[in-house]
Amino acid sequence: MKNLRITVNGTAYDVQVEELGESAAPAPAAAPAPAAKPAAPAGAVGNTSVKAPMPGTVVNVVVTAGQAVKAGDDLVFIEAMKMETPVKSPKDGTVATIEVSKGEAVDSGKVLVTLN
């Protein structure tokens, strides 16, 4: 499944599209490259992955690489079915990497942030 955002008459819709295999239809135009993700501090390797609890769209990333966080702190907000859901830190630690950017569509289980 691919998550796509389609805008019709100024209204954006998030949709999921299933790829069924090759067909005679022409290939779609390449999507623009995603925005660069913030770089992690040198030598950072996250030993705890924080994953998306549901499919949706990242509407806000409220932490930066290298930032100290406490258990329960908001890391990322995901919008699904017109509701924003905070994804919280499962433990005290330091943000090692940020694996998503604002506006990115994510599937359930996608790694959003890694912590040390």
PDB file of N, CA and C in Angstrom:
ATOM      1  N   MET A   1       0.843  -1.179   0.000  1.00  0.00           N
ATOM      2  CA  MET A   1       0.000   0.000   0.000  1.00  0.00           C
ATOM      3  C   MET A   1       0.885   1.238   0.000  1.00  0.00           C
ATOM      4  N   LYS A   2       0.438   2.236  -0.716  1.00  0.00           N
ATOM      5  CA  LYS A   2       1.101   3.529  -0.722  1.00  0.00           C
ATOM      6  C   LYS A   2       0.105   4.551  -0.191  1.00  0.00           C
ATOM      7  N   ASN A   3       0.601   5.453   0.629  1.00  0.00           N
ATOM      8  CA  ASN A   3      -0.212   6.568   1.101  1.00  0.00           C
ATOM      9  C   ASN A   3       0.086   7.759   0.215  1.00  0.00           C
ATOM     10  N   LEU A   4      -0.953   8.362  -0.320  1.00  0.00           N
ATOM     11  CA  LEU A   4      -0.811   9.519  -1.202  1.00  0.00           C
ATOM     12  C   LEU A   4      -1.731  10.631  -0.727  1.00  0.00           C
ATOM     13  N   ARG A   5      -1.369  11.871  -1.038  1.00  0.00           N
ATOM     14  CA  ARG A   5      -2.228  13.009  -0.767  1.00  0.00           C
ATOM     15  C   ARG A   5      -2.645  13.584  -2.122  1.00  0.00           C
ATOM     16  N   ILE A   6      -3.965  13.721  -2.320  1.00  0.00           N
ATOM     17  CA  ILE A   6      -4.518  14.255  -3.558  1.00  0.00           C
ATOM     18  C   ILE A   6      -5.284  15.524  -3.210  1.00  0.00           C
ATOM     19  N   THR A   7      -5.084  16.579  -3.979  1.00  0.00           N
ATOM     20  CA  THR A   7      -5.800  17.829  -3.745  1.00  0.00           C
ATOM     21  C   THR A   7      -6.796  18.041  -4.870  1.00  0.00           C
ATOM     22  N   VAL A   8      -8.065  18.208  -4.496  1.00  0.00           N
ATOM     23  CA  VAL A   8      -9.139  18.442  -5.449  1.00  0.00           C
ATOM     24  C   VAL A   8      -9.830  19.740  -5.065  1.00  0.00           C
ATOM     25  N   ASN A   9      -9.828  20.703  -5.986  1.00  0.00           N
ATOM     26  CA  ASN A   9     -10.454  22.002  -5.741  1.00  0.00           C
ATOM     27  C   ASN A   9     -10.006  22.614  -4.414  1.00  0.00           C
ATOM     28  N   GLY A  10      -8.716  22.494  -4.122  1.00  0.00           N
ATOM     29  CA  GLY A  10      -8.159  23.100  -2.921  1.00  0.00           C
ATOM     30  C   GLY A  10      -8.323  22.289  -1.646  1.00  0.00           C
ATOM     31  N   THR A  11      -8.993  21.137  -1.692  1.00  0.00           N
ATOM     32  CA  THR A  11      -9.169  20.290  -0.515  1.00  0.00           C
ATOM     33  C   THR A  11      -8.252  19.084  -0.640  1.00  0.00           C
ATOM     34  N   ALA A  12      -7.412  18.861   0.390  1.00  0.00           N
ATOM     35  CA  ALA A  12      -6.463  17.751   0.363  1.00  0.00           C
ATOM     36  C   ALA A  12      -7.107  16.505   0.957  1.00  0.00           C
ATOM     37  N   TYR A  13      -6.890  15.368   0.285  1.00  0.00           N
ATOM     38  CA  TYR A  13      -7.393  14.072   0.749  1.00  0.00           C
ATOM     39  C   TYR A  13      -6.219  13.115   0.847  1.00  0.00           C
ATOM     40  N   ASP A  14      -6.093  12.406   1.972  1.00  0.00           N
ATOM     41  CA  ASP A  14      -5.093  11.359   2.119  1.00  0.00           C
ATOM     42  C   ASP A  14      -5.754  10.049   1.725  1.00  0.00           C
ATOM     43  N   VAL A  15      -5.110   9.325   0.794  1.00  0.00           N
ATOM     44  CA  VAL A  15      -5.678   8.069   0.307  1.00  0.00           C
ATOM     45  C   VAL A  15      -4.621   6.981   0.347  1.00  0.00           C
ATOM     46  N   GLN A  16      -5.072   5.729   0.424  1.00  0.00           N
ATOM     47  CA  GLN A  16      -4.174   4.588   0.316  1.00  0.00           C
ATOM     48  C   GLN A  16      -4.439   3.915  -1.015  1.00  0.00           C
ATOM     49  N   VAL A  17      -3.368   3.586  -1.741  1.00  0.00           N
ATOM     50  CA  VAL A  17      -3.475   2.974  -3.052  1.00  0.00           C
ATOM     51  C   VAL A  17      -2.702   1.662  -3.019  1.00  0.00           C
ATOM     52  N   GLU A  18      -3.325   0.606  -3.490  1.00  0.00           N
ATOM     53  CA  GLU A  18      -2.684  -0.699  -3.532  1.00  0.00           C
ATOM     54  C   GLU A  18      -2.108  -0.924  -4.919  1.00  0.00           C
ATOM     55  N   GLU A  19      -0.835  -1.324  -4.967  1.00  0.00           N
ATOM     56  CA  GLU A  19      -0.195  -1.650  -6.233  1.00  0.00           C
ATOM     57  C   GLU A  19      -0.494  -3.109  -6.550  1.00  0.00           C
ATOM     58  N   LEU A  20      -1.059  -3.371  -7.725  1.00  0.00           N
ATOM     59  CA  LEU A  20      -1.459  -4.718  -8.096  1.00  0.00           C
ATOM     60  C   LEU A  20      -0.450  -5.411  -8.999  1.00  0.00           C
ATOM     61  N   GLY A  21       0.550  -4.708  -9.431  1.00  0.00           N
ATOM     62  CA  GLY A  21       1.546  -5.307 -10.331  1.00  0.00           C
ATOM     63  C   GLY A  21       1.657  -4.487 -11.593  1.00  0.00           C
ATOM     64  N   GLU A  22       2.427  -4.996 -12.532  1.00  0.00           N
ATOM     65  CA  GLU A  22       2.644  -4.271 -13.780  1.00  0.00           C
ATOM     66  C   GLU A  22       1.398  -4.313 -14.646  1.00  0.00           C
ATOM     67  N   SER A  23       1.165  -3.222 -15.357  1.00  0.00           N
ATOM     68  CA  SER A  23       0.036  -3.153 -16.281  1.00  0.00           C
ATOM     69  C   SER A  23       0.479  -2.399 -17.526  1.00  0.00           C
ATOM     70  N   ALA A  24      -0.417  -2.288 -18.481  1.00  0.00           N
ATOM     71  CA  ALA A  24      -0.099  -1.599 -19.719  1.00  0.00           C
ATOM     72  C   ALA A  24      -0.161  -0.088 -19.543  1.00  0.00           C
ATOM     73  N   ALA A  25      -0.645   0.386 -18.412  1.00  0.00           N
ATOM     74  CA  ALA A  25      -0.761   1.821 -18.167  1.00  0.00           C
ATOM     75  C   ALA A  25       0.634   2.434 -18.037  1.00  0.00           C
ATOM     76  N   PRO A  26       0.794   3.685 -18.494  1.00  0.00           N
ATOM     77  CA  PRO A  26       2.096   4.335 -18.374  1.00  0.00           C
ATOM     78  C   PRO A  26       2.456   4.551 -16.898  1.00  0.00           C
ATOM     79  N   ALA A  27       3.736   4.558 -16.616  1.00  0.00           N
ATOM     80  CA  ALA A  27       4.201   4.762 -15.238  1.00  0.00           C
ATOM     81  C   ALA A  27       3.897   6.189 -14.802  1.00  0.00           C
ATOM     82  N   PRO A  28       3.524   6.386 -13.531  1.00  0.00           N
ATOM     83  CA  PRO A  28       3.241   7.735 -13.054  1.00  0.00           C
ATOM     84  C   PRO A  28       4.511   8.569 -12.987  1.00  0.00           C
ATOM     85  N   ALA A  29       4.348   9.881 -13.031  1.00  0.00           N
ATOM     86  CA  ALA A  29       5.488  10.784 -12.929  1.00  0.00           C
ATOM     87  C   ALA A  29       6.125  10.628 -11.556  1.00  0.00           C
ATOM     88  N   ALA A  30       7.416  10.824 -11.501  1.00  0.00           N
ATOM     89  CA  ALA A  30       8.133  10.681 -10.226  1.00  0.00           C
ATOM     90  C   ALA A  30       7.684  11.756  -9.249  1.00  0.00           C
ATOM     91  N   ALA A  31       7.501  11.369  -8.007  1.00  0.00           N
ATOM     92  CA  ALA A  31       7.113  12.316  -6.968  1.00  0.00           C
ATOM     93  C   ALA A  31       8.321  13.160  -6.594  1.00  0.00           C
ATOM     94  N   PRO A  32       8.096  14.386  -6.109  1.00  0.00           N
ATOM     95  CA  PRO A  32       9.231  15.206  -5.696  1.00  0.00           C
ATOM     96  C   PRO A  32       9.945  14.559  -4.515  1.00  0.00           C
ATOM     97  N   ALA A  33      11.221  14.809  -4.398  1.00  0.00           N
ATOM     98  CA  ALA A  33      12.011  14.236  -3.302  1.00  0.00           C
ATOM     99  C   ALA A  33      11.509  14.766  -1.969  1.00  0.00           C
ATOM    100  N   PRO A  34      11.431  13.915  -0.944  1.00  0.00           N
ATOM    101  CA  PRO A  34      10.985  14.394   0.362  1.00  0.00           C
ATOM    102  C   PRO A  34      11.989  15.378   0.946  1.00  0.00           C
ATOM    103  N   ALA A  35      11.505  16.218   1.855  1.00  0.00           N
ATOM    104  CA  ALA A  35      12.375  17.186   2.511  1.00  0.00           C
ATOM    105  C   ALA A  35      13.450  16.450   3.292  1.00  0.00           C
ATOM    106  N   ALA A  36      14.612  17.069   3.385  1.00  0.00           N
ATOM    107  CA  ALA A  36      15.717  16.442   4.105  1.00  0.00           C
ATOM    108  C   ALA A  36      15.356  16.272   5.578  1.00  0.00           C
ATOM    109  N   LYS A  37      15.734  15.148   6.131  1.00  0.00           N
ATOM    110  CA  LYS A  37      15.485  14.880   7.540  1.00  0.00           C
ATOM    111  C   LYS A  37      16.604  15.500   8.359  1.00  0.00           C
ATOM    112  N   PRO A  38      16.317  15.958   9.569  1.00  0.00           N
ATOM    113  CA  PRO A  38      17.368  16.533  10.402  1.00  0.00           C
ATOM    114  C   PRO A  38      18.465  15.501  10.663  1.00  0.00           C
ATOM    115  N   ALA A  39      19.689  15.975  10.643  1.00  0.00           N
ATOM    116  CA  ALA A  39      20.820  15.080  10.865  1.00  0.00           C
ATOM    117  C   ALA A  39      20.946  14.741  12.343  1.00  0.00           C
ATOM    118  N   ALA A  40      21.375  13.544  12.605  1.00  0.00           N
ATOM    119  CA  ALA A  40      21.609  13.115  13.983  1.00  0.00           C
ATOM    120  C   ALA A  40      22.992  13.579  14.407  1.00  0.00           C
ATOM    121  N   PRO A  41      23.204  13.740  15.701  1.00  0.00           N
ATOM    122  CA  PRO A  41      24.544  14.079  16.163  1.00  0.00           C
ATOM    123  C   PRO A  41      25.523  12.979  15.752  1.00  0.00           C
ATOM    124  N   ALA A  42      26.785  13.351  15.587  1.00  0.00           N
ATOM    125  CA  ALA A  42      27.801  12.388  15.164  1.00  0.00           C
ATOM    126  C   ALA A  42      27.826  11.180  16.086  1.00  0.00           C
ATOM    127  N   GLY A  43      27.818   9.998  15.491  1.00  0.00           N
ATOM    128  CA  GLY A  43      27.908   8.767  16.256  1.00  0.00           C
ATOM    129  C   GLY A  43      26.607   8.327  16.897  1.00  0.00           C
ATOM    130  N   ALA A  44      25.513   9.049  16.635  1.00  0.00           N
ATOM    131  CA  ALA A  44      24.245   8.695  17.268  1.00  0.00           C
ATOM    132  C   ALA A  44      23.656   7.453  16.620  1.00  0.00           C
ATOM    133  N   VAL A  45      23.298   6.498  17.439  1.00  0.00           N
ATOM    134  CA  VAL A  45      22.620   5.292  16.982  1.00  0.00           C
ATOM    135  C   VAL A  45      21.521   5.032  17.996  1.00  0.00           C
ATOM    136  N   GLY A  46      20.274   5.159  17.554  1.00  0.00           N
ATOM    137  CA  GLY A  46      19.169   4.968  18.483  1.00  0.00           C
ATOM    138  C   GLY A  46      18.974   3.503  18.826  1.00  0.00           C
ATOM    139  N   ASN A  47      18.850   3.205  20.125  1.00  0.00           N
ATOM    140  CA  ASN A  47      18.632   1.826  20.519  1.00  0.00           C
ATOM    141  C   ASN A  47      17.171   1.545  20.844  1.00  0.00           C
ATOM    142  N   THR A  48      16.321   2.582  20.809  1.00  0.00           N
ATOM    143  CA  THR A  48      14.883   2.410  20.995  1.00  0.00           C
ATOM    144  C   THR A  48      14.167   3.071  19.831  1.00  0.00           C
ATOM    145  N   SER A  49      13.374   2.296  19.093  1.00  0.00           N
ATOM    146  CA  SER A  49      12.605   2.843  17.968  1.00  0.00           C
ATOM    147  C   SER A  49      11.207   3.182  18.445  1.00  0.00           C
ATOM    148  N   VAL A  50      10.756   4.393  18.116  1.00  0.00           N
ATOM    149  CA  VAL A  50       9.389   4.812  18.414  1.00  0.00           C
ATOM    150  C   VAL A  50       8.644   4.757  17.088  1.00  0.00           C
ATOM    151  N   LYS A  51       7.602   3.908  17.025  1.00  0.00           N
ATOM    152  CA  LYS A  51       6.912   3.640  15.768  1.00  0.00           C
ATOM    153  C   LYS A  51       5.522   4.259  15.733  1.00  0.00           C
ATOM    154  N   ALA A  52       5.025   4.465  14.513  1.00  0.00           N
ATOM    155  CA  ALA A  52       3.678   5.004  14.321  1.00  0.00           C
ATOM    156  C   ALA A  52       2.647   3.980  14.797  1.00  0.00           C
ATOM    157  N   PRO A  53       1.710   4.393  15.652  1.00  0.00           N
ATOM    158  CA  PRO A  53       0.704   3.461  16.139  1.00  0.00           C
ATOM    159  C   PRO A  53      -0.412   3.213  15.130  1.00  0.00           C
ATOM    160  N   MET A  54      -0.476   4.041  14.081  1.00  0.00           N
ATOM    161  CA  MET A  54      -1.534   3.955  13.079  1.00  0.00           C
ATOM    162  C   MET A  54      -1.051   4.607  11.795  1.00  0.00           C
ATOM    163  N   PRO A  55      -1.696   4.315  10.674  1.00  0.00           N
ATOM    164  CA  PRO A  55      -1.347   5.040   9.454  1.00  0.00           C
ATOM    165  C   PRO A  55      -1.906   6.452   9.542  1.00  0.00           C
ATOM    166  N   GLY A  56      -1.231   7.397   8.945  1.00  0.00           N
ATOM    167  CA  GLY A  56      -1.702   8.781   8.944  1.00  0.00           C
ATOM    168  C   GLY A  56      -0.668   9.690   8.326  1.00  0.00           C
ATOM    169  N   THR A  57      -0.794  10.978   8.621  1.00  0.00           N
ATOM    170  CA  THR A  57       0.112  11.991   8.097  1.00  0.00           C
ATOM    171  C   THR A  57       0.790  12.707   9.254  1.00  0.00           C
ATOM    172  N   VAL A  58       2.094  12.859   9.167  1.00  0.00           N
ATOM    173  CA  VAL A  58       2.834  13.580  10.200  1.00  0.00           C
ATOM    174  C   VAL A  58       2.472  15.061  10.074  1.00  0.00           C
ATOM    175  N   VAL A  59       1.888  15.628  11.128  1.00  0.00           N
ATOM    176  CA  VAL A  59       1.508  17.045  11.087  1.00  0.00           C
ATOM    177  C   VAL A  59       2.458  17.925  11.879  1.00  0.00           C
ATOM    178  N   ASN A  60       3.267  17.311  12.755  1.00  0.00           N
ATOM    179  CA  ASN A  60       4.227  18.101  13.512  1.00  0.00           C
ATOM    180  C   ASN A  60       5.277  17.179  14.124  1.00  0.00           C
ATOM    181  N   VAL A  61       6.529  17.607  14.042  1.00  0.00           N
ATOM    182  CA  VAL A  61       7.627  16.938  14.722  1.00  0.00           C
ATOM    183  C   VAL A  61       8.111  17.942  15.759  1.00  0.00           C
ATOM    184  N   VAL A  62       7.946  17.619  17.043  1.00  0.00           N
ATOM    185  CA  VAL A  62       8.197  18.614  18.087  1.00  0.00           C
ATOM    186  C   VAL A  62       9.527  18.426  18.808  1.00  0.00           C
ATOM    187  N   VAL A  63      10.377  17.532  18.317  1.00  0.00           N
ATOM    188  CA  VAL A  63      11.693  17.325  18.909  1.00  0.00           C
ATOM    189  C   VAL A  63      12.759  17.491  17.835  1.00  0.00           C
ATOM    190  N   THR A  64      13.999  17.620  18.290  1.00  0.00           N
ATOM    191  CA  THR A  64      15.134  17.703  17.376  1.00  0.00           C
ATOM    192  C   THR A  64      16.177  16.674  17.797  1.00  0.00           C
ATOM    193  N   ALA A  65      17.004  16.273  16.856  1.00  0.00           N
ATOM    194  CA  ALA A  65      18.065  15.318  17.158  1.00  0.00           C
ATOM    195  C   ALA A  65      18.969  15.910  18.240  1.00  0.00           C
ATOM    196  N   GLY A  66      19.282  15.093  19.239  1.00  0.00           N
ATOM    197  CA  GLY A  66      20.132  15.537  20.338  1.00  0.00           C
ATOM    198  C   GLY A  66      19.363  16.065  21.540  1.00  0.00           C
ATOM    199  N   GLN A  67      18.059  16.239  21.384  1.00  0.00           N
ATOM    200  CA  GLN A  67      17.226  16.780  22.465  1.00  0.00           C
ATOM    201  C   GLN A  67      16.952  15.722  23.525  1.00  0.00           C
ATOM    202  N   ALA A  68      17.053  16.103  24.783  1.00  0.00           N
ATOM    203  CA  ALA A  68      16.713  15.203  25.891  1.00  0.00           C
ATOM    204  C   ALA A  68      15.197  15.187  26.055  1.00  0.00           C
ATOM    205  N   VAL A  69      14.637  13.999  26.277  1.00  0.00           N
ATOM    206  CA  VAL A  69      13.197  13.857  26.485  1.00  0.00           C
ATOM    207  C   VAL A  69      12.936  12.992  27.709  1.00  0.00           C
ATOM    208  N   LYS A  70      11.774  13.178  28.299  1.00  0.00           N
ATOM    209  CA  LYS A  70      11.328  12.374  29.437  1.00  0.00           C
ATOM    210  C   LYS A  70      10.232  11.430  28.953  1.00  0.00           C
ATOM    211  N   ALA A  71      10.012  10.345  29.668  1.00  0.00           N
ATOM    212  CA  ALA A  71       8.920   9.421  29.345  1.00  0.00           C
ATOM    213  C   ALA A  71       7.619  10.203  29.339  1.00  0.00           C
ATOM    214  N   GLY A  72       6.829  10.044  28.282  1.00  0.00           N
ATOM    215  CA  GLY A  72       5.549  10.729  28.165  1.00  0.00           C
ATOM    216  C   GLY A  72       5.596  12.040  27.404  1.00  0.00           C
ATOM    217  N   ASP A  73       6.793  12.544  27.071  1.00  0.00           N
ATOM    218  CA  ASP A  73       6.908  13.767  26.281  1.00  0.00           C
ATOM    219  C   ASP A  73       6.419  13.513  24.854  1.00  0.00           C
ATOM    220  N   ASP A  74       5.771  14.505  24.252  1.00  0.00           N
ATOM    221  CA  ASP A  74       5.346  14.414  22.856  1.00  0.00           C
ATOM    222  C   ASP A  74       6.571  14.456  21.949  1.00  0.00           C
ATOM    223  N   LEU A  75       6.587  13.568  20.947  1.00  0.00           N
ATOM    224  CA  LEU A  75       7.660  13.529  19.962  1.00  0.00           C
ATOM    225  C   LEU A  75       7.168  13.986  18.596  1.00  0.00           C
ATOM    226  N   VAL A  76       6.061  13.392  18.160  1.00  0.00           N
ATOM    227  CA  VAL A  76       5.500  13.612  16.825  1.00  0.00           C
ATOM    228  C   VAL A  76       3.991  13.597  16.953  1.00  0.00           C
ATOM    229  N   PHE A  77       3.301  14.365  16.096  1.00  0.00           N
ATOM    230  CA  PHE A  77       1.843  14.312  16.018  1.00  0.00           C
ATOM    231  C   PHE A  77       1.465  13.740  14.658  1.00  0.00           C
ATOM    232  N   ILE A  78       0.552  12.739  14.684  1.00  0.00           N
ATOM    233  CA  ILE A  78       0.057  12.113  13.454  1.00  0.00           C
ATOM    234  C   ILE A  78      -1.431  12.412  13.341  1.00  0.00           C
ATOM    235  N   GLU A  79      -1.848  12.794  12.136  1.00  0.00           N
ATOM    236  CA  GLU A  79      -3.274  13.012  11.882  1.00  0.00           C
ATOM    237  C   GLU A  79      -3.835  11.801  11.154  1.00  0.00           C
ATOM    238  N   ALA A  80      -4.925  11.276  11.702  1.00  0.00           N
ATOM    239  CA  ALA A  80      -5.633  10.165  11.076  1.00  0.00           C
ATOM    240  C   ALA A  80      -7.114  10.398  11.311  1.00  0.00           C
ATOM    241  N   MET A  81      -7.907  10.303  10.279  1.00  0.00           N
ATOM    242  CA  MET A  81      -9.356  10.503  10.362  1.00  0.00           C
ATOM    243  C   MET A  81      -9.689  11.841  11.032  1.00  0.00           C
ATOM    244  N   LYS A  82      -8.951  12.898  10.632  1.00  0.00           N
ATOM    245  CA  LYS A  82      -9.164  14.274  11.098  1.00  0.00           C
ATOM    246  C   LYS A  82      -8.907  14.468  12.583  1.00  0.00           C
ATOM    247  N   MET A  83      -8.176  13.525  13.201  1.00  0.00           N
ATOM    248  CA  MET A  83      -7.806  13.659  14.611  1.00  0.00           C
ATOM    249  C   MET A  83      -6.286  13.646  14.720  1.00  0.00           C
ATOM    250  N   GLU A  84      -5.739  14.573  15.494  1.00  0.00           N
ATOM    251  CA  GLU A  84      -4.299  14.585  15.736  1.00  0.00           C
ATOM    252  C   GLU A  84      -3.998  13.746  16.970  1.00  0.00           C
ATOM    253  N   THR A  85      -3.068  12.825  16.819  1.00  0.00           N
ATOM    254  CA  THR A  85      -2.690  11.936  17.909  1.00  0.00           C
ATOM    255  C   THR A  85      -1.217  12.145  18.230  1.00  0.00           C
ATOM    256  N   PRO A  86      -0.895  12.445  19.499  1.00  0.00           N
ATOM    257  CA  PRO A  86       0.522  12.588  19.848  1.00  0.00           C
ATOM    258  C   PRO A  86       1.175  11.216  19.994  1.00  0.00           C
ATOM    259  N   VAL A  87       2.402  11.110  19.521  1.00  0.00           N
ATOM    260  CA  VAL A  87       3.204   9.913  19.749  1.00  0.00           C
ATOM    261  C   VAL A  87       4.204  10.324  20.824  1.00  0.00           C
ATOM    262  N   LYS A  88       4.159   9.628  21.949  1.00  0.00           N
ATOM    263  CA  LYS A  88       4.926  10.022  23.123  1.00  0.00           C
ATOM    264  C   LYS A  88       6.161   9.155  23.328  1.00  0.00           C
ATOM    265  N   SER A  89       7.123   9.715  24.024  1.00  0.00           N
ATOM    266  CA  SER A  89       8.344   8.986  24.343  1.00  0.00           C
ATOM    267  C   SER A  89       8.037   7.873  25.339  1.00  0.00           C
ATOM    268  N   PRO A  90       8.497   6.650  25.064  1.00  0.00           N
ATOM    269  CA  PRO A  90       8.244   5.550  25.989  1.00  0.00           C
ATOM    270  C   PRO A  90       9.179   5.554  27.200  1.00  0.00           C
ATOM    271  N   LYS A  91      10.253   6.369  27.129  1.00  0.00           N
ATOM    272  CA  LYS A  91      11.237   6.372  28.214  1.00  0.00           C
ATOM    273  C   LYS A  91      12.011   7.680  28.206  1.00  0.00           C
ATOM    274  N   ASP A  92      12.738   7.930  29.291  1.00  0.00           N
ATOM    275  CA  ASP A  92      13.667   9.054  29.321  1.00  0.00           C
ATOM    276  C   ASP A  92      14.814   8.724  28.370  1.00  0.00           C
ATOM    277  N   GLY A  93      15.337   9.735  27.696  1.00  0.00           N
ATOM    278  CA  GLY A  93      16.458   9.496  26.799  1.00  0.00           C
ATOM    279  C   GLY A  93      16.802  10.715  25.987  1.00  0.00           C
ATOM    280  N   THR A  94      17.557  10.489  24.946  1.00  0.00           N
ATOM    281  CA  THR A  94      17.974  11.535  24.017  1.00  0.00           C
ATOM    282  C   THR A  94      17.550  11.132  22.612  1.00  0.00           C
ATOM    283  N   VAL A  95      17.001  12.072  21.861  1.00  0.00           N
ATOM    284  CA  VAL A  95      16.593  11.797  20.482  1.00  0.00           C
ATOM    285  C   VAL A  95      17.852  11.561  19.650  1.00  0.00           C
ATOM    286  N   ALA A  96      17.974  10.368  19.084  1.00  0.00           N
ATOM    287  CA  ALA A  96      19.131  10.031  18.248  1.00  0.00           C
ATOM    288  C   ALA A  96      18.872  10.425  16.800  1.00  0.00           C
ATOM    289  N   THR A  97      17.731   9.977  16.249  1.00  0.00           N
ATOM    290  CA  THR A  97      17.406  10.308  14.858  1.00  0.00           C
ATOM    291  C   THR A  97      15.926  10.608  14.739  1.00  0.00           C
ATOM    292  N   ILE A  98      15.599  11.409  13.745  1.00  0.00           N
ATOM    293  CA  ILE A  98      14.210  11.682  13.375  1.00  0.00           C
ATOM    294  C   ILE A  98      14.046  11.129  11.972  1.00  0.00           C
ATOM    295  N   GLU A  99      13.170  10.150  11.818  1.00  0.00           N
ATOM    296  CA  GLU A  99      13.056   9.405  10.568  1.00  0.00           C
ATOM    297  C   GLU A  99      11.936   9.893   9.654  1.00  0.00           C
ATOM    298  N   VAL A 100      11.180  10.915  10.077  1.00  0.00           N
ATOM    299  CA  VAL A 100      10.068  11.429   9.279  1.00  0.00           C
ATOM    300  C   VAL A 100      10.123  12.955   9.250  1.00  0.00           C
ATOM    301  N   SER A 101       9.346  13.520   8.345  1.00  0.00           N
ATOM    302  CA  SER A 101       9.250  14.976   8.283  1.00  0.00           C
ATOM    303  C   SER A 101       7.781  15.379   8.177  1.00  0.00           C
ATOM    304  N   LYS A 102       7.499  16.624   8.503  1.00  0.00           N
ATOM    305  CA  LYS A 102       6.144  17.149   8.473  1.00  0.00           C
ATOM    306  C   LYS A 102       5.545  16.964   7.076  1.00  0.00           C
ATOM    307  N   GLY A 103       4.298  16.473   7.037  1.00  0.00           N
ATOM    308  CA  GLY A 103       3.609  16.266   5.770  1.00  0.00           C
ATOM    309  C   GLY A 103       3.780  14.872   5.194  1.00  0.00           C
ATOM    310  N   GLU A 104       4.653  14.080   5.781  1.00  0.00           N
ATOM    311  CA  GLU A 104       4.914  12.728   5.272  1.00  0.00           C
ATOM    312  C   GLU A 104       3.802  11.766   5.688  1.00  0.00           C
ATOM    313  N   ALA A 105       3.344  10.959   4.748  1.00  0.00           N
ATOM    314  CA  ALA A 105       2.366   9.912   5.043  1.00  0.00           C
ATOM    315  C   ALA A 105       3.122   8.707   5.589  1.00  0.00           C
ATOM    316  N   VAL A 106       2.612   8.128   6.676  1.00  0.00           N
ATOM    317  CA  VAL A 106       3.274   6.986   7.298  1.00  0.00           C
ATOM    318  C   VAL A 106       2.294   5.836   7.476  1.00  0.00           C
ATOM    319  N   ASP A 107       2.809   4.613   7.414  1.00  0.00           N
ATOM    320  CA  ASP A 107       2.024   3.421   7.692  1.00  0.00           C
ATOM    321  C   ASP A 107       2.191   3.055   9.157  1.00  0.00           C
ATOM    322  N   SER A 108       1.280   2.281   9.670  1.00  0.00           N
ATOM    323  CA  SER A 108       1.394   1.780  11.028  1.00  0.00           C
ATOM    324  C   SER A 108       2.680   0.988  11.166  1.00  0.00           C
ATOM    325  N   GLY A 109       3.444   1.234  12.229  1.00  0.00           N
ATOM    326  CA  GLY A 109       4.692   0.532  12.440  1.00  0.00           C
ATOM    327  C   GLY A 109       5.917   1.219  11.873  1.00  0.00           C
ATOM    328  N   LYS A 110       5.735   2.295  11.121  1.00  0.00           N
ATOM    329  CA  LYS A 110       6.874   3.039  10.571  1.00  0.00           C
ATOM    330  C   LYS A 110       7.657   3.665  11.724  1.00  0.00           C
ATOM    331  N   VAL A 111       8.977   3.556  11.690  1.00  0.00           N
ATOM    332  CA  VAL A 111       9.821   4.183  12.714  1.00  0.00           C
ATOM    333  C   VAL A 111       9.778   5.692  12.505  1.00  0.00           C
ATOM    334  N   LEU A 112       9.404   6.407  13.561  1.00  0.00           N
ATOM    335  CA  LEU A 112       9.308   7.862  13.516  1.00  0.00           C
ATOM    336  C   LEU A 112      10.566   8.522  14.081  1.00  0.00           C
ATOM    337  N   VAL A 113      10.987   8.019  15.241  1.00  0.00           N
ATOM    338  CA  VAL A 113      12.106   8.597  15.987  1.00  0.00           C
ATOM    339  C   VAL A 113      12.865   7.450  16.657  1.00  0.00           C
ATOM    340  N   THR A 114      14.181   7.599  16.797  1.00  0.00           N
ATOM    341  CA  THR A 114      14.932   6.653  17.613  1.00  0.00           C
ATOM    342  C   THR A 114      15.508   7.404  18.810  1.00  0.00           C
ATOM    343  N   LEU A 115      15.588   6.693  19.927  1.00  0.00           N
ATOM    344  CA  LEU A 115      16.082   7.282  21.171  1.00  0.00           C
ATOM    345  C   LEU A 115      17.267   6.490  21.696  1.00  0.00           C
ATOM    346  N   ASN A 116      18.137   7.153  22.417  1.00  0.00           N
ATOM    347  CA  ASN A 116      19.225   6.514  23.157  1.00  0.00           C
ATOM    348  C   ASN A 116      18.875   6.580  24.623  1.00  0.00           C
TER     349      ASN A 116
END
